[in-house]
């Protein structure tokens, strides 16, 4: 055994468990940010049903926006997603949710 082994805080057997914890925390963060987006005032006042945002799981979500609305968000708000409205929720943060909510509201009310 290497003389410095005792300074390493986890064993190799713990790495799999640690990665599982990191994965769970990451998924929890995404879920919390999707809830934040769903309940954000601008999105709450946006026409349509946005409950699909909190019903989906994973690192991406379909926004329900059409290609014209997506193009509007890209041009006016510099928010990038696939043309069918799929966006990376893993890339969200508490600082970017307000900007995204404003952009979705504007896209739905102005670009529709």
C-alpha atoms as a PDB file:
ATOM      1  CA  UNK A   1       0.000   0.000   0.000  1.00  0.00           C
ATOM      2  CA  UNK A   2       1.270   3.475  -0.873  1.00  0.00           C
ATOM      3  CA  UNK A   3       2.166   5.563   2.206  1.00  0.00           C
ATOM      4  CA  UNK A   4      -0.209   8.369   1.150  1.00  0.00           C
ATOM      5  CA  UNK A   5      -3.226   6.089   0.545  1.00  0.00           C
ATOM      6  CA  UNK A   6      -4.759   7.046   3.895  1.00  0.00           C
ATOM      7  CA  UNK A   7      -5.069  10.664   2.668  1.00  0.00           C
ATOM      8  CA  UNK A   8      -7.404   9.676  -0.186  1.00  0.00           C
ATOM      9  CA  UNK A   9     -10.964  10.254   1.134  1.00  0.00           C
ATOM     10  CA  UNK A  10     -12.747   7.463  -0.774  1.00  0.00           C
ATOM     11  CA  UNK A  11     -11.865   3.976  -1.891  1.00  0.00           C
ATOM     12  CA  UNK A  12     -12.235   2.825  -5.476  1.00  0.00           C
ATOM     13  CA  UNK A  13     -15.284   0.834  -4.384  1.00  0.00           C
ATOM     14  CA  UNK A  14     -16.975   4.078  -3.342  1.00  0.00           C
ATOM     15  CA  UNK A  15     -16.526   5.742  -6.756  1.00  0.00           C
ATOM     16  CA  UNK A  16     -19.578   4.036  -8.293  1.00  0.00           C
ATOM     17  CA  UNK A  17     -21.727   5.094  -5.353  1.00  0.00           C
ATOM     18  CA  UNK A  18     -20.338   8.631  -5.536  1.00  0.00           C
ATOM     19  CA  UNK A  19     -21.116   8.857  -9.257  1.00  0.00           C
ATOM     20  CA  UNK A  20     -24.656   7.651  -8.551  1.00  0.00           C
ATOM     21  CA  UNK A  21     -25.080  10.424  -5.968  1.00  0.00           C
ATOM     22  CA  UNK A  22     -23.759  13.039  -8.420  1.00  0.00           C
ATOM     23  CA  UNK A  23     -26.219  11.776 -11.059  1.00  0.00           C
ATOM     24  CA  UNK A  24     -29.139  12.001  -8.628  1.00  0.00           C
ATOM     25  CA  UNK A  25     -28.134  15.526  -7.554  1.00  0.00           C
ATOM     26  CA  UNK A  26     -27.872  16.583 -11.205  1.00  0.00           C
ATOM     27  CA  UNK A  27     -31.327  15.248 -12.025  1.00  0.00           C
ATOM     28  CA  UNK A  28     -32.721  16.929  -8.908  1.00  0.00           C
ATOM     29  CA  UNK A  29     -31.170  20.257  -9.999  1.00  0.00           C
ATOM     30  CA  UNK A  30     -32.789  19.955 -13.433  1.00  0.00           C
ATOM     31  CA  UNK A  31     -36.180  19.149 -11.897  1.00  0.00           C
ATOM     32  CA  UNK A  32     -35.953  22.146  -9.520  1.00  0.00           C
ATOM     33  CA  UNK A  33     -35.040  24.500 -12.380  1.00  0.00           C
ATOM     34  CA  UNK A  34     -37.928  23.194 -14.504  1.00  0.00           C
ATOM     35  CA  UNK A  35     -40.285  23.841 -11.575  1.00  0.00           C
ATOM     36  CA  UNK A  36     -38.796  27.336 -11.229  1.00  0.00           C
ATOM     37  CA  UNK A  37     -39.368  27.974 -14.945  1.00  0.00           C
ATOM     38  CA  UNK A  38     -42.924  26.630 -14.792  1.00  0.00           C
ATOM     39  CA  UNK A  39     -43.833  28.878 -11.854  1.00  0.00           C
ATOM     40  CA  UNK A  40     -41.937  31.944 -13.080  1.00  0.00           C
ATOM     41  CA  UNK A  41     -44.405  34.877 -13.328  1.00  0.00           C
ATOM     42  CA  UNK A  42     -43.872  35.610 -17.018  1.00  0.00           C
ATOM     43  CA  UNK A  43     -44.358  31.999 -18.016  1.00  0.00           C
ATOM     44  CA  UNK A  44     -47.344  31.660 -15.689  1.00  0.00           C
ATOM     45  CA  UNK A  45     -49.056  34.450 -17.656  1.00  0.00           C
ATOM     46  CA  UNK A  46     -48.160  33.034 -21.038  1.00  0.00           C
ATOM     47  CA  UNK A  47     -51.046  31.607 -23.094  1.00  0.00           C
ATOM     48  CA  UNK A  48     -51.089  27.813 -23.281  1.00  0.00           C
ATOM     49  CA  UNK A  49     -50.554  24.848 -21.012  1.00  0.00           C
ATOM     50  CA  UNK A  50     -46.936  24.607 -19.850  1.00  0.00           C
ATOM     51  CA  UNK A  51     -47.343  21.647 -17.503  1.00  0.00           C
ATOM     52  CA  UNK A  52     -45.354  19.442 -19.894  1.00  0.00           C
ATOM     53  CA  UNK A  53     -42.223  21.289 -18.719  1.00  0.00           C
ATOM     54  CA  UNK A  54     -42.517  19.726 -15.274  1.00  0.00           C
ATOM     55  CA  UNK A  55     -43.839  16.365 -16.454  1.00  0.00           C
ATOM     56  CA  UNK A  56     -40.822  15.553 -18.613  1.00  0.00           C
ATOM     57  CA  UNK A  57     -37.660  14.052 -17.192  1.00  0.00           C
ATOM     58  CA  UNK A  58     -34.101  14.136 -18.410  1.00  0.00           C
ATOM     59  CA  UNK A  59     -31.616  16.668 -19.668  1.00  0.00           C
ATOM     60  CA  UNK A  60     -33.767  17.953 -22.549  1.00  0.00           C
ATOM     61  CA  UNK A  61     -37.362  19.091 -22.752  1.00  0.00           C
ATOM     62  CA  UNK A  62     -39.738  19.910 -25.551  1.00  0.00           C
ATOM     63  CA  UNK A  63     -41.015  23.440 -25.081  1.00  0.00           C
ATOM     64  CA  UNK A  64     -43.959  23.106 -27.433  1.00  0.00           C
ATOM     65  CA  UNK A  65     -42.739  26.071 -29.461  1.00  0.00           C
ATOM     66  CA  UNK A  66     -42.956  25.998 -33.239  1.00  0.00           C
ATOM     67  CA  UNK A  67     -40.056  26.756 -35.593  1.00  0.00           C
ATOM     68  CA  UNK A  68     -41.135  30.394 -36.049  1.00  0.00           C
ATOM     69  CA  UNK A  69     -41.150  30.942 -32.279  1.00  0.00           C
ATOM     70  CA  UNK A  70     -37.773  29.199 -31.949  1.00  0.00           C
ATOM     71  CA  UNK A  71     -36.313  31.457 -34.659  1.00  0.00           C
ATOM     72  CA  UNK A  72     -37.710  34.507 -32.842  1.00  0.00           C
ATOM     73  CA  UNK A  73     -36.071  33.427 -29.570  1.00  0.00           C
ATOM     74  CA  UNK A  74     -32.760  32.839 -31.311  1.00  0.00           C
ATOM     75  CA  UNK A  75     -32.809  36.210 -33.082  1.00  0.00           C
ATOM     76  CA  UNK A  76     -34.200  38.380 -30.296  1.00  0.00           C
ATOM     77  CA  UNK A  77     -32.995  36.620 -27.128  1.00  0.00           C
ATOM     78  CA  UNK A  78     -29.982  34.565 -28.287  1.00  0.00           C
ATOM     79  CA  UNK A  79     -31.512  31.371 -26.921  1.00  0.00           C
ATOM     80  CA  UNK A  80     -30.601  28.334 -28.972  1.00  0.00           C
ATOM     81  CA  UNK A  81     -32.505  25.066 -29.324  1.00  0.00           C
ATOM     82  CA  UNK A  82     -33.516  22.647 -32.044  1.00  0.00           C
ATOM     83  CA  UNK A  83     -36.065  23.941 -34.542  1.00  0.00           C
ATOM     84  CA  UNK A  84     -38.708  21.618 -33.079  1.00  0.00           C
ATOM     85  CA  UNK A  85     -38.408  23.413 -29.718  1.00  0.00           C
ATOM     86  CA  UNK A  86     -36.242  20.934 -27.793  1.00  0.00           C
ATOM     87  CA  UNK A  87     -33.977  22.705 -25.295  1.00  0.00           C
ATOM     88  CA  UNK A  88     -31.266  21.565 -22.903  1.00  0.00           C
ATOM     89  CA  UNK A  89     -32.636  21.848 -19.383  1.00  0.00           C
ATOM     90  CA  UNK A  90     -29.250  20.724 -18.093  1.00  0.00           C
ATOM     91  CA  UNK A  91     -27.915  24.083 -19.258  1.00  0.00           C
ATOM     92  CA  UNK A  92     -30.369  26.063 -17.128  1.00  0.00           C
ATOM     93  CA  UNK A  93     -29.429  27.918 -13.982  1.00  0.00           C
ATOM     94  CA  UNK A  94     -31.310  30.159 -11.581  1.00  0.00           C
ATOM     95  CA  UNK A  95     -29.771  33.105 -13.452  1.00  0.00           C
ATOM     96  CA  UNK A  96     -30.921  31.979 -16.918  1.00  0.00           C
ATOM     97  CA  UNK A  97     -34.496  30.919 -16.091  1.00  0.00           C
ATOM     98  CA  UNK A  98     -35.878  34.508 -15.971  1.00  0.00           C
ATOM     99  CA  UNK A  99     -34.367  35.254 -19.399  1.00  0.00           C
ATOM    100  CA  UNK A 100     -35.815  32.023 -20.811  1.00  0.00           C
ATOM    101  CA  UNK A 101     -39.260  32.739 -19.334  1.00  0.00           C
ATOM    102  CA  UNK A 102     -39.237  36.251 -20.834  1.00  0.00           C
ATOM    103  CA  UNK A 103     -38.202  34.843 -24.213  1.00  0.00           C
ATOM    104  CA  UNK A 104     -40.886  32.144 -24.213  1.00  0.00           C
ATOM    105  CA  UNK A 105     -43.536  34.685 -23.265  1.00  0.00           C
ATOM    106  CA  UNK A 106     -42.418  37.053 -26.027  1.00  0.00           C
ATOM    107  CA  UNK A 107     -42.207  34.257 -28.594  1.00  0.00           C
ATOM    108  CA  UNK A 108     -45.707  33.001 -27.817  1.00  0.00           C
ATOM    109  CA  UNK A 109     -47.351  36.434 -27.660  1.00  0.00           C
ATOM    110  CA  UNK A 110     -45.472  38.187 -30.478  1.00  0.00           C
ATOM    111  CA  UNK A 111     -44.138  35.559 -32.876  1.00  0.00           C
ATOM    112  CA  UNK A 112     -47.139  33.237 -32.938  1.00  0.00           C
END
